[in-house]
Amino acid sequence: MGKNWDWSYQKGREKRLHFEVDARMHNLPFNPKDIPLHSHDGTMQSHFNKGWWSVCLVDIELRVKSNMDYRHARQRLRERFGESNGH
């Protein structure tokens, strides 16, 4: 694969993970069949789609868990030390 194809594949994975995690964190519906347009070039879009469909449930669950752990850690720090950023 060429570098642009690899890039499109990775963008497909990143975008799917972003949408999946955002939907789960905010209890929103998500339909993975609604693939966004990445490129008007058919080959680039094809590699984006392959990246999109390469995301599995384990990838999503790991990302959601890490986001939840991060949020809980920030909340505990806020409770212990007060607001961050000088407040």
PDB file of N, CA and C in Angstrom:
ATOM      1  N   MET A   1       0.829  -1.188   0.000  1.00  0.00           N
ATOM      2  CA  MET A   1       0.000   0.000   0.000  1.00  0.00           C
ATOM      3  C   MET A   1       0.872   1.250   0.000  1.00  0.00           C
ATOM      4  N   GLY A   2       0.392   2.277  -0.661  1.00  0.00           N
ATOM      5  CA  GLY A   2       1.098   3.539  -0.663  1.00  0.00           C
ATOM      6  C   GLY A   2       0.847   4.310   0.625  1.00  0.00           C
ATOM      7  N   LYS A   3       1.644   5.335   0.834  1.00  0.00           N
ATOM      8  CA  LYS A   3       1.507   6.126   2.064  1.00  0.00           C
ATOM      9  C   LYS A   3       0.132   6.781   2.167  1.00  0.00           C
ATOM     10  N   ASN A   4      -0.400   7.281   1.058  1.00  0.00           N
ATOM     11  CA  ASN A   4      -1.730   7.898   1.096  1.00  0.00           C
ATOM     12  C   ASN A   4      -2.802   6.876   1.411  1.00  0.00           C
ATOM     13  N   TRP A   5      -2.645   5.667   0.906  1.00  0.00           N
ATOM     14  CA  TRP A   5      -3.610   4.614   1.189  1.00  0.00           C
ATOM     15  C   TRP A   5      -3.558   4.242   2.666  1.00  0.00           C
ATOM     16  N   ASP A   6      -2.345   4.130   3.196  1.00  0.00           N
ATOM     17  CA  ASP A   6      -2.193   3.837   4.629  1.00  0.00           C
ATOM     18  C   ASP A   6      -2.828   4.940   5.471  1.00  0.00           C
ATOM     19  N   TRP A   7      -2.602   6.178   5.056  1.00  0.00           N
ATOM     20  CA  TRP A   7      -3.159   7.320   5.773  1.00  0.00           C
ATOM     21  C   TRP A   7      -4.683   7.260   5.769  1.00  0.00           C
ATOM     22  N   SER A   8      -5.275   6.971   4.622  1.00  0.00           N
ATOM     23  CA  SER A   8      -6.733   6.878   4.528  1.00  0.00           C
ATOM     24  C   SER A   8      -7.259   5.741   5.394  1.00  0.00           C
ATOM     25  N   TYR A   9      -6.571   4.621   5.407  1.00  0.00           N
ATOM     26  CA  TYR A   9      -6.965   3.485   6.235  1.00  0.00           C
ATOM     27  C   TYR A   9      -6.959   3.887   7.715  1.00  0.00           C
ATOM     28  N   GLN A  10      -5.883   4.534   8.154  1.00  0.00           N
ATOM     29  CA  GLN A  10      -5.772   4.972   9.543  1.00  0.00           C
ATOM     30  C   GLN A  10      -6.843   6.010   9.883  1.00  0.00           C
ATOM     31  N   LYS A  11      -7.115   6.918   8.972  1.00  0.00           N
ATOM     32  CA  LYS A  11      -8.162   7.922   9.205  1.00  0.00           C
ATOM     33  C   LYS A  11      -9.524   7.255   9.357  1.00  0.00           C
ATOM     34  N   GLY A  12      -9.768   6.195   8.606  1.00  0.00           N
ATOM     35  CA  GLY A  12     -11.010   5.450   8.742  1.00  0.00           C
ATOM     36  C   GLY A  12     -11.150   4.841  10.129  1.00  0.00           C
ATOM     37  N   ARG A  13     -10.065   4.244  10.622  1.00  0.00           N
ATOM     38  CA  ARG A  13     -10.070   3.667  11.974  1.00  0.00           C
ATOM     39  C   ARG A  13     -10.283   4.753  13.020  1.00  0.00           C
ATOM     40  N   GLU A  14      -9.517   5.841  12.912  1.00  0.00           N
ATOM     41  CA  GLU A  14      -9.600   6.922  13.895  1.00  0.00           C
ATOM     42  C   GLU A  14     -11.001   7.534  13.944  1.00  0.00           C
ATOM     43  N   LYS A  15     -11.568   7.798  12.766  1.00  0.00           N
ATOM     44  CA  LYS A  15     -12.882   8.435  12.705  1.00  0.00           C
ATOM     45  C   LYS A  15     -13.947   7.515  13.290  1.00  0.00           C
ATOM     46  N   ARG A  16     -13.888   6.215  12.978  1.00  0.00           N
ATOM     47  CA  ARG A  16     -14.871   5.264  13.515  1.00  0.00           C
ATOM     48  C   ARG A  16     -14.754   5.187  15.032  1.00  0.00           C
ATOM     49  N   LEU A  17     -13.520   5.071  15.543  1.00  0.00           N
ATOM     50  CA  LEU A  17     -13.335   5.014  16.994  1.00  0.00           C
ATOM     51  C   LEU A  17     -13.855   6.281  17.658  1.00  0.00           C
ATOM     52  N   HIS A  18     -13.572   7.406  17.057  1.00  0.00           N
ATOM     53  CA  HIS A  18     -14.039   8.678  17.616  1.00  0.00           C
ATOM     54  C   HIS A  18     -15.563   8.699  17.706  1.00  0.00           C
ATOM     55  N   PHE A  19     -16.229   8.356  16.608  1.00  0.00           N
ATOM     56  CA  PHE A  19     -17.697   8.380  16.592  1.00  0.00           C
ATOM     57  C   PHE A  19     -18.299   7.351  17.539  1.00  0.00           C
ATOM     58  N   GLU A  20     -17.727   6.142  17.559  1.00  0.00           N
ATOM     59  CA  GLU A  20     -18.239   5.077  18.433  1.00  0.00           C
ATOM     60  C   GLU A  20     -18.111   5.474  19.906  1.00  0.00           C
ATOM     61  N   VAL A  21     -16.944   5.947  20.277  1.00  0.00           N
ATOM     62  CA  VAL A  21     -16.698   6.308  21.676  1.00  0.00           C
ATOM     63  C   VAL A  21     -17.575   7.490  22.070  1.00  0.00           C
ATOM     64  N   ASP A  22     -17.657   8.493  21.218  1.00  0.00           N
ATOM     65  CA  ASP A  22     -18.485   9.657  21.523  1.00  0.00           C
ATOM     66  C   ASP A  22     -19.946   9.246  21.716  1.00  0.00           C
ATOM     67  N   ALA A  23     -20.439   8.377  20.858  1.00  0.00           N
ATOM     68  CA  ALA A  23     -21.826   7.924  20.978  1.00  0.00           C
ATOM     69  C   ALA A  23     -22.041   7.155  22.276  1.00  0.00           C
ATOM     70  N   ARG A  24     -21.109   6.297  22.637  1.00  0.00           N
ATOM     71  CA  ARG A  24     -21.263   5.517  23.872  1.00  0.00           C
ATOM     72  C   ARG A  24     -21.125   6.374  25.118  1.00  0.00           C
ATOM     73  N   MET A  25     -20.223   7.330  25.102  1.00  0.00           N
ATOM     74  CA  MET A  25     -20.003   8.169  26.267  1.00  0.00           C
ATOM     75  C   MET A  25     -21.197   9.101  26.521  1.00  0.00           C
ATOM     76  N   HIS A  26     -21.943   9.430  25.461  1.00  0.00           N
ATOM     77  CA  HIS A  26     -23.074  10.345  25.595  1.00  0.00           C
ATOM     78  C   HIS A  26     -24.424   9.655  25.365  1.00  0.00           C
ATOM     79  N   ASN A  27     -24.408   8.323  25.339  1.00  0.00           N
ATOM     80  CA  ASN A  27     -25.639   7.534  25.143  1.00  0.00           C
ATOM     81  C   ASN A  27     -26.413   7.974  23.909  1.00  0.00           C
ATOM     82  N   LEU A  28     -25.703   8.122  22.804  1.00  0.00           N
ATOM     83  CA  LEU A  28     -26.311   8.523  21.545  1.00  0.00           C
ATOM     84  C   LEU A  28     -26.350   7.331  20.596  1.00  0.00           C
ATOM     85  N   PRO A  29     -27.292   7.311  19.672  1.00  0.00           N
ATOM     86  CA  PRO A  29     -27.318   6.220  18.694  1.00  0.00           C
ATOM     87  C   PRO A  29     -26.172   6.370  17.698  1.00  0.00           C
ATOM     88  N   PHE A  30     -25.708   5.251  17.180  1.00  0.00           N
ATOM     89  CA  PHE A  30     -24.642   5.268  16.179  1.00  0.00           C
ATOM     90  C   PHE A  30     -24.877   4.125  15.205  1.00  0.00           C
ATOM     91  N   ASN A  31     -24.854   4.431  13.927  1.00  0.00           N
ATOM     92  CA  ASN A  31     -25.005   3.420  12.891  1.00  0.00           C
ATOM     93  C   ASN A  31     -23.700   3.337  12.106  1.00  0.00           C
ATOM     94  N   PRO A  32     -22.929   2.255  12.271  1.00  0.00           N
ATOM     95  CA  PRO A  32     -21.644   2.155  11.576  1.00  0.00           C
ATOM     96  C   PRO A  32     -21.785   2.068  10.056  1.00  0.00           C
ATOM     97  N   LYS A  33     -22.984   1.799   9.567  1.00  0.00           N
ATOM     98  CA  LYS A  33     -23.183   1.732   8.115  1.00  0.00           C
ATOM     99  C   LYS A  33     -23.193   3.117   7.475  1.00  0.00           C
ATOM    100  N   ASP A  34     -23.323   4.166   8.291  1.00  0.00           N
ATOM    101  CA  ASP A  34     -23.274   5.542   7.794  1.00  0.00           C
ATOM    102  C   ASP A  34     -21.819   6.009   7.743  1.00  0.00           C
ATOM    103  N   ILE A  35     -21.125   5.564   6.741  1.00  0.00           N
ATOM    104  CA  ILE A  35     -19.698   5.888   6.602  1.00  0.00           C
ATOM    105  C   ILE A  35     -19.559   7.287   6.012  1.00  0.00           C
ATOM    106  N   PRO A  36     -18.800   8.169   6.671  1.00  0.00           N
ATOM    107  CA  PRO A  36     -18.651   9.528   6.149  1.00  0.00           C
ATOM    108  C   PRO A  36     -17.774   9.555   4.891  1.00  0.00           C
ATOM    109  N   LEU A  37     -17.985  10.578   4.090  1.00  0.00           N
ATOM    110  CA  LEU A  37     -17.160  10.775   2.906  1.00  0.00           C
ATOM    111  C   LEU A  37     -15.786  11.257   3.350  1.00  0.00           C
ATOM    112  N   HIS A  38     -14.777  10.563   2.902  1.00  0.00           N
ATOM    113  CA  HIS A  38     -13.393  10.920   3.218  1.00  0.00           C
ATOM    114  C   HIS A  38     -12.726  11.550   2.007  1.00  0.00           C
ATOM    115  N   SER A  39     -13.034  10.998   0.838  1.00  0.00           N
ATOM    116  CA  SER A  39     -12.391  11.480  -0.375  1.00  0.00           C
ATOM    117  C   SER A  39     -13.288  11.199  -1.585  1.00  0.00           C
ATOM    118  N   HIS A  40     -13.206  12.067  -2.579  1.00  0.00           N
ATOM    119  CA  HIS A  40     -13.919  11.828  -3.836  1.00  0.00           C
ATOM    120  C   HIS A  40     -13.143  10.854  -4.713  1.00  0.00           C
ATOM    121  N   ASP A  41     -11.913  10.554  -4.342  1.00  0.00           N
ATOM    122  CA  ASP A  41     -11.113   9.543  -5.042  1.00  0.00           C
ATOM    123  C   ASP A  41     -11.572   8.169  -4.558  1.00  0.00           C
ATOM    124  N   GLY A  42     -12.002   7.331  -5.460  1.00  0.00           N
ATOM    125  CA  GLY A  42     -12.549   6.028  -5.096  1.00  0.00           C
ATOM    126  C   GLY A  42     -11.580   5.140  -4.346  1.00  0.00           C
ATOM    127  N   THR A  43     -10.316   5.160  -4.730  1.00  0.00           N
ATOM    128  CA  THR A  43      -9.327   4.313  -4.065  1.00  0.00           C
ATOM    129  C   THR A  43      -9.094   4.780  -2.635  1.00  0.00           C
ATOM    130  N   MET A  44      -8.984   6.084  -2.444  1.00  0.00           N
ATOM    131  CA  MET A  44      -8.777   6.616  -1.098  1.00  0.00           C
ATOM    132  C   MET A  44      -9.980   6.315  -0.216  1.00  0.00           C
ATOM    133  N   GLN A  45     -11.191   6.493  -0.757  1.00  0.00           N
ATOM    134  CA  GLN A  45     -12.398   6.203   0.003  1.00  0.00           C
ATOM    135  C   GLN A  45     -12.474   4.718   0.333  1.00  0.00           C
ATOM    136  N   SER A  46     -12.054   3.877  -0.585  1.00  0.00           N
ATOM    137  CA  SER A  46     -12.068   2.431  -0.357  1.00  0.00           C
ATOM    138  C   SER A  46     -11.166   2.053   0.815  1.00  0.00           C
ATOM    139  N   HIS A  47      -9.987   2.652   0.883  1.00  0.00           N
ATOM    140  CA  HIS A  47      -9.076   2.356   1.996  1.00  0.00           C
ATOM    141  C   HIS A  47      -9.603   2.936   3.311  1.00  0.00           C
ATOM    142  N   PHE A  48     -10.249   4.091   3.241  1.00  0.00           N
ATOM    143  CA  PHE A  48     -10.898   4.649   4.417  1.00  0.00           C
ATOM    144  C   PHE A  48     -11.963   3.679   4.919  1.00  0.00           C
ATOM    145  N   ASN A  49     -12.783   3.166   4.001  1.00  0.00           N
ATOM    146  CA  ASN A  49     -13.831   2.217   4.370  1.00  0.00           C
ATOM    147  C   ASN A  49     -13.245   0.958   5.000  1.00  0.00           C
ATOM    148  N   LYS A  50     -12.148   0.467   4.456  1.00  0.00           N
ATOM    149  CA  LYS A  50     -11.502  -0.726   5.030  1.00  0.00           C
ATOM    150  C   LYS A  50     -11.027  -0.445   6.450  1.00  0.00           C
ATOM    151  N   GLY A  51     -10.479   0.746   6.671  1.00  0.00           N
ATOM    152  CA  GLY A  51     -10.074   1.124   8.024  1.00  0.00           C
ATOM    153  C   GLY A  51     -11.276   1.242   8.939  1.00  0.00           C
ATOM    154  N   TRP A  52     -12.351   1.829   8.445  1.00  0.00           N
ATOM    155  CA  TRP A  52     -13.597   1.992   9.193  1.00  0.00           C
ATOM    156  C   TRP A  52     -14.104   0.636   9.662  1.00  0.00           C
ATOM    157  N   TRP A  53     -14.132  -0.340   8.748  1.00  0.00           N
ATOM    158  CA  TRP A  53     -14.664  -1.658   9.078  1.00  0.00           C
ATOM    159  C   TRP A  53     -13.668  -2.532   9.838  1.00  0.00           C
ATOM    160  N   SER A  54     -12.419  -2.108   9.952  1.00  0.00           N
ATOM    161  CA  SER A  54     -11.429  -2.906  10.681  1.00  0.00           C
ATOM    162  C   SER A  54     -11.550  -2.739  12.195  1.00  0.00           C
ATOM    163  N   VAL A  55     -12.301  -1.750  12.637  1.00  0.00           N
ATOM    164  CA  VAL A  55     -12.492  -1.505  14.069  1.00  0.00           C
ATOM    165  C   VAL A  55     -13.407  -2.591  14.628  1.00  0.00           C
ATOM    166  N   CYS A  56     -12.946  -3.244  15.695  1.00  0.00           N
ATOM    167  CA  CYS A  56     -13.757  -4.292  16.298  1.00  0.00           C
ATOM    168  C   CYS A  56     -14.245  -3.847  17.682  1.00  0.00           C
ATOM    169  N   LEU A  57     -15.113  -4.639  18.253  1.00  0.00           N
ATOM    170  CA  LEU A  57     -15.714  -4.315  19.540  1.00  0.00           C
ATOM    171  C   LEU A  57     -14.651  -4.136  20.630  1.00  0.00           C
ATOM    172  N   VAL A  58     -13.607  -4.934  20.583  1.00  0.00           N
ATOM    173  CA  VAL A  58     -12.538  -4.828  21.586  1.00  0.00           C
ATOM    174  C   VAL A  58     -11.853  -3.467  21.494  1.00  0.00           C
ATOM    175  N   ASP A  59     -11.586  -2.998  20.277  1.00  0.00           N
ATOM    176  CA  ASP A  59     -10.981  -1.667  20.098  1.00  0.00           C
ATOM    177  C   ASP A  59     -11.848  -0.590  20.737  1.00  0.00           C
ATOM    178  N   ILE A  60     -13.146  -0.693  20.515  1.00  0.00           N
ATOM    179  CA  ILE A  60     -14.083   0.306  21.032  1.00  0.00           C
ATOM    180  C   ILE A  60     -14.132   0.250  22.549  1.00  0.00           C
ATOM    181  N   GLU A  61     -14.265  -0.945  23.099  1.00  0.00           N
ATOM    182  CA  GLU A  61     -14.359  -1.097  24.556  1.00  0.00           C
ATOM    183  C   GLU A  61     -13.088  -0.600  25.248  1.00  0.00           C
ATOM    184  N   LEU A  62     -11.937  -0.883  24.675  1.00  0.00           N
ATOM    185  CA  LEU A  62     -10.678  -0.406  25.267  1.00  0.00           C
ATOM    186  C   LEU A  62     -10.625   1.121  25.277  1.00  0.00           C
ATOM    187  N   ARG A  63     -11.048   1.743  24.193  1.00  0.00           N
ATOM    188  CA  ARG A  63     -11.026   3.204  24.107  1.00  0.00           C
ATOM    189  C   ARG A  63     -12.028   3.817  25.089  1.00  0.00           C
ATOM    190  N   VAL A  64     -13.222   3.227  25.191  1.00  0.00           N
ATOM    191  CA  VAL A  64     -14.221   3.739  26.131  1.00  0.00           C
ATOM    192  C   VAL A  64     -13.702   3.606  27.554  1.00  0.00           C
ATOM    193  N   LYS A  65     -13.110   2.457  27.873  1.00  0.00           N
ATOM    194  CA  LYS A  65     -12.584   2.227  29.219  1.00  0.00           C
ATOM    195  C   LYS A  65     -11.492   3.238  29.554  1.00  0.00           C
ATOM    196  N   SER A  66     -10.587   3.478  28.618  1.00  0.00           N
ATOM    197  CA  SER A  66      -9.511   4.440  28.901  1.00  0.00           C
ATOM    198  C   SER A  66     -10.073   5.840  29.085  1.00  0.00           C
ATOM    199  N   ASN A  67     -11.099   6.212  28.325  1.00  0.00           N
ATOM    200  CA  ASN A  67     -11.727   7.523  28.502  1.00  0.00           C
ATOM    201  C   ASN A  67     -12.410   7.622  29.856  1.00  0.00           C
ATOM    202  N   MET A  68     -13.088   6.559  30.271  1.00  0.00           N
ATOM    203  CA  MET A  68     -13.759   6.560  31.570  1.00  0.00           C
ATOM    204  C   MET A  68     -12.737   6.633  32.704  1.00  0.00           C
ATOM    205  N   ASP A  69     -11.643   5.869  32.578  1.00  0.00           N
ATOM    206  CA  ASP A  69     -10.592   5.912  33.598  1.00  0.00           C
ATOM    207  C   ASP A  69     -10.011   7.309  33.711  1.00  0.00           C
ATOM    208  N   TYR A  70      -9.788   7.962  32.584  1.00  0.00           N
ATOM    209  CA  TYR A  70      -9.250   9.314  32.568  1.00  0.00           C
ATOM    210  C   TYR A  70     -10.218  10.284  33.253  1.00  0.00           C
ATOM    211  N   ARG A  71     -11.500  10.168  32.927  1.00  0.00           N
ATOM    212  CA  ARG A  71     -12.496  11.050  33.540  1.00  0.00           C
ATOM    213  C   ARG A  71     -12.569  10.844  35.047  1.00  0.00           C
ATOM    214  N   HIS A  72     -12.535   9.569  35.483  1.00  0.00           N
ATOM    215  CA  HIS A  72     -12.591   9.284  36.917  1.00  0.00           C
ATOM    216  C   HIS A  72     -11.352   9.823  37.633  1.00  0.00           C
ATOM    217  N   ALA A  73     -10.198   9.676  37.018  1.00  0.00           N
ATOM    218  CA  ALA A  73      -8.968  10.180  37.630  1.00  0.00           C
ATOM    219  C   ALA A  73      -9.023  11.705  37.757  1.00  0.00           C
ATOM    220  N   ARG A  74      -9.486  12.384  36.721  1.00  0.00           N
ATOM    221  CA  ARG A  74      -9.600  13.843  36.785  1.00  0.00           C
ATOM    222  C   ARG A  74     -10.581  14.267  37.869  1.00  0.00           C
ATOM    223  N   GLN A  75     -11.686  13.542  37.979  1.00  0.00           N
ATOM    224  CA  GLN A  75     -12.681  13.870  38.997  1.00  0.00           C
ATOM    225  C   GLN A  75     -12.107  13.691  40.397  1.00  0.00           C
ATOM    226  N   ARG A  76     -11.370  12.600  40.616  1.00  0.00           N
ATOM    227  CA  ARG A  76     -10.759  12.359  41.934  1.00  0.00           C
ATOM    228  C   ARG A  76      -9.735  13.443  42.264  1.00  0.00           C
ATOM    229  N   LEU A  77      -8.940  13.844  41.286  1.00  0.00           N
ATOM    230  CA  LEU A  77      -7.964  14.914  41.513  1.00  0.00           C
ATOM    231  C   LEU A  77      -8.664  16.236  41.821  1.00  0.00           C
ATOM    232  N   ARG A  78      -9.745  16.508  41.095  1.00  0.00           N
ATOM    233  CA  ARG A  78     -10.508  17.729  41.330  1.00  0.00           C
ATOM    234  C   ARG A  78     -11.076  17.742  42.743  1.00  0.00           C
ATOM    235  N   GLU A  79     -11.597  16.607  43.169  1.00  0.00           N
ATOM    236  CA  GLU A  79     -12.175  16.517  44.514  1.00  0.00           C
ATOM    237  C   GLU A  79     -11.100  16.688  45.590  1.00  0.00           C
ATOM    238  N   ARG A  80      -9.936  16.153  45.325  1.00  0.00           N
ATOM    239  CA  ARG A  80      -8.877  16.206  46.330  1.00  0.00           C
ATOM    240  C   ARG A  80      -8.171  17.550  46.375  1.00  0.00           C
ATOM    241  N   PHE A  81      -7.879  18.110  45.202  1.00  0.00           N
ATOM    242  CA  PHE A  81      -7.062  19.329  45.154  1.00  0.00           C
ATOM    243  C   PHE A  81      -7.831  20.562  44.699  1.00  0.00           C
ATOM    244  N   GLY A  82      -9.081  20.446  44.384  1.00  0.00           N
ATOM    245  CA  GLY A  82      -9.847  21.582  43.897  1.00  0.00           C
ATOM    246  C   GLY A  82      -9.749  21.691  42.389  1.00  0.00           C
ATOM    247  N   GLU A  83     -10.326  22.731  41.841  1.00  0.00           N
ATOM    248  CA  GLU A  83     -10.352  22.933  40.402  1.00  0.00           C
ATOM    249  C   GLU A  83      -8.948  23.116  39.848  1.00  0.00           C
ATOM    250  N   SER A  84      -8.757  22.672  38.627  1.00  0.00           N
ATOM    251  CA  SER A  84      -7.465  22.833  37.959  1.00  0.00           C
ATOM    252  C   SER A  84      -7.437  24.124  37.179  1.00  0.00           C
ATOM    253  N   ASN A  85      -6.351  24.402  36.512  1.00  0.00           N
ATOM    254  CA  ASN A  85      -6.160  25.585  35.661  1.00  0.00           C
ATOM    255  C   ASN A  85      -6.295  26.884  36.452  1.00  0.00           C
ATOM    256  N   GLY A  86      -5.844  26.884  37.687  1.00  0.00           N
ATOM    257  CA  GLY A  86      -5.799  28.110  38.468  1.00  0.00           C
ATOM    258  C   GLY A  86      -7.094  28.521  39.120  1.00  0.00           C
ATOM    259  N   HIS A  87      -8.125  27.676  39.071  1.00  0.00           N
ATOM    260  CA  HIS A  87      -9.409  28.035  39.678  1.00  0.00           C
ATOM    261  C   HIS A  87      -9.544  27.425  41.055  1.00  0.00           C
TER     262      HIS A  87
END
